[in-house]
N, C-alpha and C. Protein backbone atom coordinates (compact mmCIF):
# COMPACT_ATOMS: atom_id res chain seq x y z
N UNK A 1 180.20 43.74 130.91
CA UNK A 1 179.24 44.10 129.92
C UNK A 1 179.91 45.01 128.90
N UNK A 2 179.69 44.74 127.62
CA UNK A 2 180.26 45.59 126.58
C UNK A 2 179.17 46.43 125.92
N UNK A 3 179.56 47.55 125.36
CA UNK A 3 178.65 48.45 124.67
C UNK A 3 179.22 48.74 123.30
N UNK A 4 178.37 48.68 122.29
CA UNK A 4 178.76 49.07 120.93
C UNK A 4 177.92 50.27 120.55
N UNK A 5 178.56 51.35 120.14
CA UNK A 5 177.85 52.56 119.72
C UNK A 5 178.09 52.78 118.24
N UNK A 6 177.02 53.05 117.51
CA UNK A 6 177.10 53.41 116.10
C UNK A 6 176.69 54.86 116.02
N UNK A 7 177.66 55.74 115.75
CA UNK A 7 177.43 57.18 115.72
C UNK A 7 177.96 57.71 114.40
N UNK A 8 177.16 58.51 113.72
CA UNK A 8 177.58 59.06 112.43
C UNK A 8 178.08 60.48 112.56
N UNK A 9 178.87 60.88 111.58
CA UNK A 9 179.38 62.25 111.54
C UNK A 9 179.17 62.85 110.16
N UNK A 10 178.26 62.27 109.40
CA UNK A 10 178.11 62.67 108.00
C UNK A 10 176.67 63.03 107.67
N UNK A 11 175.98 63.69 108.58
CA UNK A 11 174.59 64.12 108.37
C UNK A 11 173.65 62.95 108.15
N UNK A 12 173.99 61.77 108.62
CA UNK A 12 173.07 60.65 108.58
C UNK A 12 173.11 59.79 107.35
N UNK A 13 173.93 60.10 106.38
CA UNK A 13 173.92 59.36 105.12
C UNK A 13 175.01 58.30 105.01
N UNK A 14 175.52 57.86 106.16
CA UNK A 14 176.62 56.91 106.11
C UNK A 14 176.22 55.48 106.40
N UNK A 15 174.95 55.17 106.49
CA UNK A 15 174.51 53.78 106.64
C UNK A 15 174.35 53.31 108.07
N UNK A 16 174.13 54.23 109.02
CA UNK A 16 173.98 53.83 110.43
C UNK A 16 172.83 52.85 110.63
N UNK A 17 171.70 53.08 109.97
CA UNK A 17 170.55 52.21 110.14
C UNK A 17 170.82 50.79 109.69
N UNK A 18 171.51 50.66 108.56
CA UNK A 18 171.81 49.33 108.03
C UNK A 18 172.76 48.56 108.94
N UNK A 19 173.80 49.23 109.42
CA UNK A 19 174.76 48.54 110.28
C UNK A 19 174.13 48.26 111.64
N UNK A 20 173.27 49.16 112.12
CA UNK A 20 172.58 48.92 113.40
C UNK A 20 171.65 47.73 113.28
N UNK A 21 170.94 47.61 112.15
CA UNK A 21 170.07 46.45 111.94
C UNK A 21 170.89 45.17 111.97
N UNK A 22 172.05 45.18 111.37
CA UNK A 22 172.93 44.00 111.36
C UNK A 22 173.40 43.66 112.78
N UNK A 23 173.86 44.66 113.51
CA UNK A 23 174.37 44.43 114.87
C UNK A 23 173.27 44.12 115.87
N UNK A 24 172.05 44.58 115.62
CA UNK A 24 170.94 44.41 116.57
C UNK A 24 170.62 42.94 116.83
N UNK A 25 170.91 42.08 115.89
CA UNK A 25 170.65 40.66 116.09
C UNK A 25 171.45 40.06 117.23
N UNK A 26 172.51 40.75 117.66
CA UNK A 26 173.35 40.29 118.75
C UNK A 26 173.21 41.16 119.99
N UNK A 27 172.25 42.11 119.98
CA UNK A 27 172.13 43.09 121.05
C UNK A 27 170.95 42.79 121.96
N UNK A 28 171.00 43.33 123.16
CA UNK A 28 169.89 43.27 124.10
C UNK A 28 169.03 44.53 123.97
N UNK A 29 169.68 45.67 123.72
CA UNK A 29 169.00 46.96 123.68
C UNK A 29 169.55 47.77 122.50
N UNK A 30 168.65 48.43 121.76
CA UNK A 30 169.04 49.38 120.72
C UNK A 30 168.39 50.71 121.08
N UNK A 31 169.20 51.77 121.16
CA UNK A 31 168.72 53.08 121.58
C UNK A 31 168.91 54.09 120.46
N UNK A 32 167.84 54.79 120.16
CA UNK A 32 167.96 55.97 119.29
C UNK A 32 168.05 57.16 120.22
N UNK A 33 169.09 57.97 120.06
CA UNK A 33 169.35 59.00 121.07
C UNK A 33 169.06 60.42 120.63
N UNK A 34 168.72 60.64 119.35
CA UNK A 34 168.45 62.02 118.93
C UNK A 34 167.72 62.03 117.60
N UNK A 35 167.19 63.19 117.24
CA UNK A 35 166.53 63.39 115.96
C UNK A 35 165.02 63.29 116.05
N UNK A 36 164.40 63.39 114.89
CA UNK A 36 162.94 63.32 114.79
C UNK A 36 162.54 62.54 113.56
N UNK A 37 161.28 62.64 113.18
CA UNK A 37 160.80 61.85 112.05
C UNK A 37 160.93 62.58 110.72
N UNK A 38 161.65 63.70 110.70
CA UNK A 38 161.84 64.43 109.45
C UNK A 38 162.88 63.77 108.54
N UNK A 39 163.61 62.83 109.05
CA UNK A 39 164.59 62.10 108.26
C UNK A 39 164.35 60.62 108.50
N UNK A 40 165.23 59.79 108.06
CA UNK A 40 165.06 58.37 108.30
C UNK A 40 166.14 57.56 107.63
N UNK A 41 165.99 56.27 107.71
CA UNK A 41 166.94 55.39 107.07
C UNK A 41 166.20 54.19 106.51
N UNK A 42 166.77 53.63 105.47
CA UNK A 42 166.18 52.47 104.81
C UNK A 42 166.89 51.22 105.27
N UNK A 43 166.10 50.22 105.63
CA UNK A 43 166.63 48.93 106.05
C UNK A 43 166.02 47.87 105.15
N UNK A 44 166.86 47.01 104.61
CA UNK A 44 166.40 45.88 103.82
C UNK A 44 166.83 44.62 104.55
N UNK A 45 165.84 43.77 104.90
CA UNK A 45 166.15 42.55 105.61
C UNK A 45 165.17 41.46 105.19
N UNK A 46 165.10 40.38 105.94
CA UNK A 46 164.21 39.26 105.59
C UNK A 46 162.73 39.66 105.58
N UNK A 47 162.37 40.73 106.27
CA UNK A 47 160.98 41.18 106.31
C UNK A 47 160.62 42.05 105.10
N UNK A 48 161.62 42.58 104.42
CA UNK A 48 161.38 43.45 103.26
C UNK A 48 162.21 44.71 103.33
N UNK A 49 161.74 45.73 102.62
CA UNK A 49 162.42 47.02 102.57
C UNK A 49 161.57 48.03 103.35
N UNK A 50 162.20 48.70 104.30
CA UNK A 50 161.49 49.61 105.20
C UNK A 50 162.22 50.94 105.29
N UNK A 51 161.45 52.02 105.35
CA UNK A 51 161.98 53.35 105.63
C UNK A 51 161.56 53.68 107.07
N UNK A 52 162.50 53.66 107.97
CA UNK A 52 162.23 53.99 109.37
C UNK A 52 162.50 55.47 109.60
N UNK A 53 161.62 56.12 110.36
CA UNK A 53 161.78 57.54 110.64
C UNK A 53 161.96 57.81 112.13
N UNK A 54 161.32 57.03 112.97
CA UNK A 54 161.46 57.21 114.42
C UNK A 54 161.96 55.94 115.12
N UNK A 55 161.48 54.81 114.69
CA UNK A 55 161.81 53.56 115.38
C UNK A 55 163.27 53.17 115.16
N UNK A 56 163.93 52.68 116.20
CA UNK A 56 165.30 52.18 116.06
C UNK A 56 165.32 50.93 115.18
N UNK A 57 166.45 50.65 114.56
CA UNK A 57 166.59 49.50 113.67
C UNK A 57 166.44 48.16 114.38
N UNK A 58 166.52 48.15 115.69
CA UNK A 58 166.37 46.91 116.43
C UNK A 58 164.95 46.35 116.42
N UNK A 59 163.98 47.10 115.89
CA UNK A 59 162.58 46.64 115.91
C UNK A 59 162.36 45.37 115.10
N UNK A 60 163.28 45.01 114.25
CA UNK A 60 163.13 43.80 113.44
C UNK A 60 163.58 42.54 114.16
N UNK A 61 164.11 42.69 115.35
CA UNK A 61 164.63 41.56 116.14
C UNK A 61 163.79 41.43 117.40
N UNK A 62 163.06 40.33 117.53
CA UNK A 62 162.05 40.18 118.58
C UNK A 62 162.61 40.22 120.00
N UNK A 63 163.86 39.87 120.22
CA UNK A 63 164.41 39.85 121.57
C UNK A 63 165.02 41.16 122.01
N UNK A 64 164.99 42.17 121.16
CA UNK A 64 165.67 43.43 121.44
C UNK A 64 164.70 44.45 122.04
N UNK A 65 165.15 45.13 123.10
CA UNK A 65 164.40 46.26 123.64
C UNK A 65 164.85 47.49 122.88
N UNK A 66 163.90 48.22 122.29
CA UNK A 66 164.18 49.41 121.50
C UNK A 66 163.77 50.64 122.29
N UNK A 67 164.69 51.58 122.45
CA UNK A 67 164.46 52.76 123.27
C UNK A 67 164.55 54.02 122.42
N UNK A 68 163.53 54.87 122.56
CA UNK A 68 163.60 56.23 122.02
C UNK A 68 164.09 57.10 123.16
N UNK A 69 165.32 57.59 123.05
CA UNK A 69 165.97 58.32 124.13
C UNK A 69 165.50 59.75 124.27
N UNK A 70 166.02 60.44 125.29
CA UNK A 70 165.55 61.79 125.61
C UNK A 70 165.85 62.84 124.55
N UNK A 71 166.72 62.55 123.60
CA UNK A 71 167.02 63.51 122.54
C UNK A 71 166.17 63.33 121.29
N UNK A 72 165.24 62.39 121.32
CA UNK A 72 164.39 62.13 120.16
C UNK A 72 163.11 62.97 120.27
N UNK A 73 162.80 63.69 119.21
CA UNK A 73 161.56 64.46 119.14
C UNK A 73 160.47 63.50 118.66
N UNK A 74 159.66 63.01 119.59
CA UNK A 74 158.68 61.96 119.28
C UNK A 74 157.38 62.59 118.79
N UNK A 75 157.06 62.35 117.53
CA UNK A 75 155.79 62.73 116.94
C UNK A 75 154.88 61.51 117.10
N UNK A 76 153.97 61.57 118.06
CA UNK A 76 153.16 60.39 118.43
C UNK A 76 152.37 59.83 117.23
N UNK A 77 151.64 60.63 116.45
CA UNK A 77 150.92 60.06 115.31
C UNK A 77 151.87 59.37 114.31
N UNK A 78 153.03 59.97 114.06
CA UNK A 78 153.99 59.37 113.13
C UNK A 78 154.56 58.06 113.70
N UNK A 79 154.83 58.04 115.01
CA UNK A 79 155.34 56.84 115.66
C UNK A 79 154.32 55.70 115.56
N UNK A 80 153.07 55.99 115.86
CA UNK A 80 152.03 54.96 115.80
C UNK A 80 151.80 54.47 114.38
N UNK A 81 151.87 55.36 113.40
CA UNK A 81 151.72 54.97 111.99
C UNK A 81 152.88 54.08 111.55
N UNK A 82 154.08 54.41 111.96
CA UNK A 82 155.25 53.60 111.61
C UNK A 82 155.14 52.20 112.22
N UNK A 83 154.71 52.13 113.46
CA UNK A 83 154.51 50.84 114.12
C UNK A 83 153.44 50.02 113.41
N UNK A 84 152.32 50.66 113.08
CA UNK A 84 151.23 49.97 112.36
C UNK A 84 151.71 49.41 111.03
N UNK A 85 152.52 50.20 110.33
CA UNK A 85 153.04 49.75 109.04
C UNK A 85 153.89 48.49 109.20
N UNK A 86 154.76 48.47 110.21
CA UNK A 86 155.58 47.28 110.46
C UNK A 86 154.71 46.06 110.74
N UNK A 87 153.74 46.23 111.63
CA UNK A 87 152.87 45.11 112.00
C UNK A 87 152.07 44.61 110.81
N UNK A 88 151.59 45.52 109.97
CA UNK A 88 150.79 45.11 108.81
C UNK A 88 151.62 44.35 107.78
N UNK A 89 152.93 44.50 107.86
CA UNK A 89 153.83 43.81 106.93
C UNK A 89 154.49 42.58 107.54
N UNK A 90 153.97 42.13 108.69
CA UNK A 90 154.41 40.88 109.28
C UNK A 90 155.59 40.96 110.24
N UNK A 91 156.02 42.16 110.58
CA UNK A 91 157.10 42.30 111.56
C UNK A 91 156.49 42.07 112.94
N UNK A 92 157.12 41.25 113.78
CA UNK A 92 156.58 41.01 115.14
C UNK A 92 156.50 42.31 115.93
N UNK A 93 155.59 42.35 116.89
CA UNK A 93 155.42 43.53 117.76
C UNK A 93 156.76 43.90 118.38
N UNK A 94 157.25 45.11 118.13
CA UNK A 94 158.53 45.49 118.73
C UNK A 94 158.41 45.78 120.22
N UNK A 95 159.49 45.52 120.93
CA UNK A 95 159.58 45.85 122.36
C UNK A 95 160.09 47.28 122.44
N UNK A 96 159.18 48.22 122.62
CA UNK A 96 159.51 49.64 122.52
C UNK A 96 159.36 50.33 123.87
N UNK A 97 160.34 51.16 124.18
CA UNK A 97 160.31 51.97 125.40
C UNK A 97 160.63 53.41 124.99
N UNK A 98 160.01 54.35 125.70
CA UNK A 98 160.30 55.77 125.48
C UNK A 98 160.87 56.32 126.77
N UNK A 99 162.05 56.91 126.69
CA UNK A 99 162.72 57.44 127.88
C UNK A 99 162.13 58.79 128.22
């Protein structure tokens, strides 16, 4: 089994979300391991343009399990609002797990 990790060292502005969205199409699991909803990343794909704040970029791929890891500060109302926004825009229900 191989593992690919996308980790930034530039305060989050180096395109981790975009590259993770690209790689997620070939992944079984995408894990967000730290942070909160005070920041985010923009992903542009076949579904449109999205600003994600809590959800991992793998949410756009129906076969991927998306995990919010133990280092993520989960704001439940913000998480539910982000999920609702995706669903209202035609993104399939993400497979989401919270560690």
